[in-house]
Structures are given as C-alpha cells and as structure tokens.
Amino acid sequence: MSGPFSTLCLDVGTWDLIADASGNIARADPPYAVAQDVASAIKTFLGEVWYDDTIGIPYQTKILGQVPPLSIFKQYMVAAALTVPSVVSAVCVIQSYSRLTRRIVGQVQFQTSDGTAGTVGIGPPVAAGISNPAGLSQGITTITGIQITTLGGEPIETQP
C-alpha cells in the first residue's frame, strides 16, 4: 500500500463523521487526509482495531496509570505515525509535561513521500480564552493545502 489516500472527514473536536452542505458524508483528500490518519494512528489503543489487534499504542498497559519515560512515549508516537501509508519520517516534540497532572502537550511532525509536511497536536484541547502560544490543540493543528470534499469530489472547505 503506497498512498496517500482519501478518507472520511472527521470533526477534530468529536472525532466523528461530518456532513457536507448537501448532507452527504464529507471526504478529506491529501494532504489533510494524511494528517487525519496520523492523528487517528496516535489515538488508537493497542487491540482497538478488531481486524488487526496488533495496531495501536499500548495506552492501557504502558501509558495510562504509568509514568513512562518521555523517550518511550515519543517512540510510540513516531512508530504510530510511520504506520500511515506515505509517511516517511516523523518526529515527536514535547512542549510541556507535568508529572503532577500527567498532561503532555506536544506535536508529531511528519513528512510524506511527496515532500508534504504536517503537524498533529498531542494534548488536551485548548479552552477558549486560555493562552496557547504554540497554537496546539488535540487533533490536527497545522498542515498546508487542506482540501475537504464531498464523496463526489466537490470541495466543501479549503484552507491555504
């Protein structure tokens, strides 16, 4: 499988399907689709994918309720990003980590085989009115050339 592929477009706040203006399920095309797939890969729990229970991050056994070294956490994020077809390199950058509250804020930066670069945020969503100098939120935070279309291919949202 080489990719990149189109995918069903998900709302970054709820991670649920969204509809276009006509009420049809919206489609995301590359490069946005790749960023969404990277975000999905780093959100997937090991064993959650019923058709391949080897996919995912061992959140329940190695992350949640544990205090893994940040280097191990970063390795899991990078390994998950590299499972996405067409992603050829990835780096996990942690901006902040609190051992007390067990909150991590960071990002996975990736590059695809065609040279497209993207960034997916890690961490809790940023509430309105709270300072967020890094511009991070959960889900997709930065990627250029976003094109979201209907399943028929009509654009419904374009961001430079």
Foldseek 3Di string as FASTA:
>chain_A
DADDDKAFDADQVPRHWDAFPVRFTKIWDPPVRLLQQLLVQAVADQQPPPVDNRGHDPCVPDNPPDDDPVVVVQVRSFVSSVVRHQWDGKGWDWPDADPVVRWTWTWIWTAGPVGFIFIAIDTAADDPPDDDVVQGHHGGGDGPFTFMGGPVRHTRDTDD
